[in-house]
Amino acid sequence: MNNIRSYRHFAAISGLVFALSACTDGPAEKTGEKIDDASTDIENSIEDTCEGVKDTLNAEDKDC
């Protein structure tokens, strides 16, 4: 019974250490954020263009 408790404590502490170590803002994290921002900008641009085309064509459904 005591061994099971030790294993549980070890697993909980290991999980906590792993979770905290994943919170660093390294170069890969910053690059990922830049990629996310660029993809969001591209998505918004495509949607704006689509809505403009639908508006020009007087489409009933303006959503893209």
N, C-alpha and C. Protein backbone atom coordinates (compact mmCIF):
# COMPACT_ATOMS: atom_id res chain seq x y z
N MET A 1 0.82 -1.19 0.00
CA MET A 1 0.00 0.00 0.00
C MET A 1 0.87 1.26 0.00
N ASN A 2 1.96 1.20 0.72
CA ASN A 2 2.86 2.33 0.81
C ASN A 2 3.55 2.59 -0.53
N ASN A 3 3.85 1.51 -1.28
CA ASN A 3 4.49 1.65 -2.59
C ASN A 3 3.56 2.35 -3.58
N ILE A 4 2.29 2.03 -3.53
CA ILE A 4 1.32 2.65 -4.43
C ILE A 4 1.25 4.15 -4.16
N ARG A 5 1.26 4.53 -2.91
CA ARG A 5 1.23 5.94 -2.54
C ARG A 5 2.49 6.64 -3.05
N SER A 6 3.62 6.01 -2.94
CA SER A 6 4.88 6.59 -3.43
C SER A 6 4.85 6.76 -4.93
N TYR A 7 4.32 5.78 -5.64
CA TYR A 7 4.21 5.88 -7.10
C TYR A 7 3.27 7.01 -7.51
N ARG A 8 2.20 7.17 -6.79
CA ARG A 8 1.24 8.25 -7.09
C ARG A 8 1.88 9.62 -6.87
N HIS A 9 2.61 9.74 -5.77
CA HIS A 9 3.29 11.01 -5.50
C HIS A 9 4.34 11.31 -6.58
N PHE A 10 5.09 10.28 -6.95
CA PHE A 10 6.10 10.45 -7.99
C PHE A 10 5.45 10.86 -9.31
N ALA A 11 4.34 10.23 -9.65
CA ALA A 11 3.65 10.56 -10.90
C ALA A 11 3.10 11.98 -10.86
N ALA A 12 2.55 12.39 -9.74
CA ALA A 12 2.00 13.74 -9.62
C ALA A 12 3.10 14.78 -9.72
N ILE A 13 4.20 14.57 -9.03
CA ILE A 13 5.32 15.52 -9.08
C ILE A 13 5.93 15.56 -10.47
N SER A 14 6.09 14.40 -11.11
CA SER A 14 6.64 14.36 -12.47
C SER A 14 5.74 15.10 -13.45
N GLY A 15 4.44 14.93 -13.32
CA GLY A 15 3.50 15.63 -14.19
C GLY A 15 3.57 17.13 -13.99
N LEU A 16 3.69 17.57 -12.76
CA LEU A 16 3.79 18.99 -12.45
C LEU A 16 5.07 19.58 -13.02
N VAL A 17 6.18 18.89 -12.86
CA VAL A 17 7.45 19.37 -13.40
C VAL A 17 7.39 19.44 -14.92
N PHE A 18 6.80 18.44 -15.55
CA PHE A 18 6.67 18.44 -17.01
C PHE A 18 5.80 19.59 -17.48
N ALA A 19 4.69 19.84 -16.79
CA ALA A 19 3.79 20.92 -17.19
C ALA A 19 4.46 22.28 -17.04
N LEU A 20 5.20 22.47 -15.98
CA LEU A 20 5.87 23.75 -15.77
C LEU A 20 7.02 23.97 -16.74
N SER A 21 7.69 22.90 -17.14
CA SER A 21 8.80 23.05 -18.08
C SER A 21 8.31 23.37 -19.48
N ALA A 22 7.07 23.08 -19.78
CA ALA A 22 6.51 23.35 -21.11
C ALA A 22 6.04 24.80 -21.24
N CYS A 23 6.17 25.60 -20.21
CA CYS A 23 5.66 26.97 -20.23
C CYS A 23 6.70 28.01 -20.62
N THR A 24 7.86 27.60 -21.06
CA THR A 24 8.89 28.58 -21.42
C THR A 24 8.64 29.16 -22.80
N ASP A 25 8.98 30.44 -22.97
CA ASP A 25 8.85 31.11 -24.26
C ASP A 25 10.19 31.10 -24.97
N GLY A 26 10.48 30.02 -25.62
CA GLY A 26 11.72 29.91 -26.36
C GLY A 26 11.52 30.36 -27.80
N PRO A 27 12.55 30.22 -28.62
CA PRO A 27 12.46 30.64 -30.02
C PRO A 27 11.39 29.87 -30.81
N ALA A 28 11.21 28.60 -30.50
CA ALA A 28 10.20 27.81 -31.21
C ALA A 28 8.80 28.31 -30.88
N GLU A 29 8.58 28.68 -29.62
CA GLU A 29 7.28 29.20 -29.21
C GLU A 29 6.97 30.52 -29.92
N LYS A 30 7.96 31.40 -29.99
CA LYS A 30 7.78 32.68 -30.65
C LYS A 30 7.54 32.50 -32.15
N THR A 31 8.26 31.57 -32.77
CA THR A 31 8.05 31.28 -34.19
C THR A 31 6.65 30.73 -34.43
N GLY A 32 6.20 29.86 -33.55
CA GLY A 32 4.85 29.31 -33.66
C GLY A 32 3.79 30.39 -33.55
N GLU A 33 3.99 31.34 -32.65
CA GLU A 33 3.03 32.44 -32.51
C GLU A 33 3.01 33.31 -33.76
N LYS A 34 4.18 33.54 -34.36
CA LYS A 34 4.23 34.33 -35.59
C LYS A 34 3.50 33.61 -36.73
N ILE A 35 3.66 32.30 -36.80
CA ILE A 35 2.98 31.51 -37.83
C ILE A 35 1.47 31.57 -37.60
N ASP A 36 1.04 31.45 -36.35
CA ASP A 36 -0.40 31.54 -36.03
C ASP A 36 -0.96 32.90 -36.43
N ASP A 37 -0.22 33.96 -36.11
CA ASP A 37 -0.69 35.31 -36.46
C ASP A 37 -0.78 35.48 -37.98
N ALA A 38 0.22 34.98 -38.69
CA ALA A 38 0.22 35.11 -40.15
C ALA A 38 -0.94 34.33 -40.76
N SER A 39 -1.21 33.14 -40.26
CA SER A 39 -2.31 32.34 -40.81
C SER A 39 -3.66 33.00 -40.51
N THR A 40 -3.79 33.63 -39.35
CA THR A 40 -5.03 34.34 -39.03
C THR A 40 -5.21 35.53 -39.97
N ASP A 41 -4.13 36.26 -40.23
CA ASP A 41 -4.20 37.40 -41.15
C ASP A 41 -4.60 36.95 -42.56
N ILE A 42 -4.04 35.84 -43.01
CA ILE A 42 -4.37 35.32 -44.34
C ILE A 42 -5.83 34.89 -44.39
N GLU A 43 -6.28 34.21 -43.34
CA GLU A 43 -7.68 33.77 -43.28
C GLU A 43 -8.63 34.96 -43.34
N ASN A 44 -8.32 36.01 -42.59
CA ASN A 44 -9.17 37.21 -42.60
C ASN A 44 -9.16 37.89 -43.97
N SER A 45 -8.01 37.92 -44.61
CA SER A 45 -7.91 38.53 -45.93
C SER A 45 -8.74 37.76 -46.96
N ILE A 46 -8.67 36.45 -46.90
CA ILE A 46 -9.45 35.62 -47.83
C ILE A 46 -10.94 35.83 -47.60
N GLU A 47 -11.35 35.88 -46.34
CA GLU A 47 -12.77 36.08 -46.03
C GLU A 47 -13.24 37.45 -46.51
N ASP A 48 -12.42 38.49 -46.31
CA ASP A 48 -12.78 39.83 -46.77
C ASP A 48 -12.92 39.86 -48.28
N THR A 49 -12.01 39.21 -48.99
CA THR A 49 -12.07 39.16 -50.45
C THR A 49 -13.32 38.43 -50.92
N CYS A 50 -13.63 37.31 -50.26
CA CYS A 50 -14.81 36.54 -50.62
C CYS A 50 -16.08 37.36 -50.41
N GLU A 51 -16.16 38.05 -49.28
CA GLU A 51 -17.35 38.88 -49.02
C GLU A 51 -17.45 40.03 -50.03
N GLY A 52 -16.31 40.59 -50.43
CA GLY A 52 -16.32 41.65 -51.43
C GLY A 52 -16.82 41.16 -52.78
N VAL A 53 -16.38 39.95 -53.16
CA VAL A 53 -16.84 39.37 -54.43
C VAL A 53 -18.34 39.10 -54.38
N LYS A 54 -18.81 38.53 -53.28
CA LYS A 54 -20.24 38.25 -53.15
C LYS A 54 -21.06 39.53 -53.15
N ASP A 55 -20.52 40.58 -52.54
CA ASP A 55 -21.21 41.87 -52.52
C ASP A 55 -21.29 42.44 -53.94
N THR A 56 -20.20 42.32 -54.70
CA THR A 56 -20.17 42.83 -56.07
C THR A 56 -21.16 42.07 -56.95
N LEU A 57 -21.30 40.77 -56.71
CA LEU A 57 -22.20 39.94 -57.51
C LEU A 57 -23.63 39.96 -56.99
N ASN A 58 -23.88 40.74 -55.94
CA ASN A 58 -25.20 40.81 -55.32
C ASN A 58 -25.73 39.44 -54.91
N ALA A 59 -24.88 38.65 -54.32
CA ALA A 59 -25.28 37.32 -53.85
C ALA A 59 -26.18 37.48 -52.64
N GLU A 60 -27.13 36.53 -52.49
CA GLU A 60 -28.04 36.57 -51.34
C GLU A 60 -27.30 36.26 -50.05
N ASP A 61 -26.43 35.27 -50.10
CA ASP A 61 -25.67 34.87 -48.92
C ASP A 61 -24.33 35.60 -48.93
N LYS A 62 -24.12 36.53 -48.00
CA LYS A 62 -22.90 37.34 -47.97
C LYS A 62 -21.79 36.68 -47.15
N ASP A 63 -22.13 35.64 -46.36
CA ASP A 63 -21.13 35.00 -45.51
C ASP A 63 -20.25 34.06 -46.32
N CYS A 64 -19.00 34.00 -45.94
CA CYS A 64 -18.05 33.10 -46.61
C CYS A 64 -17.59 32.02 -45.67
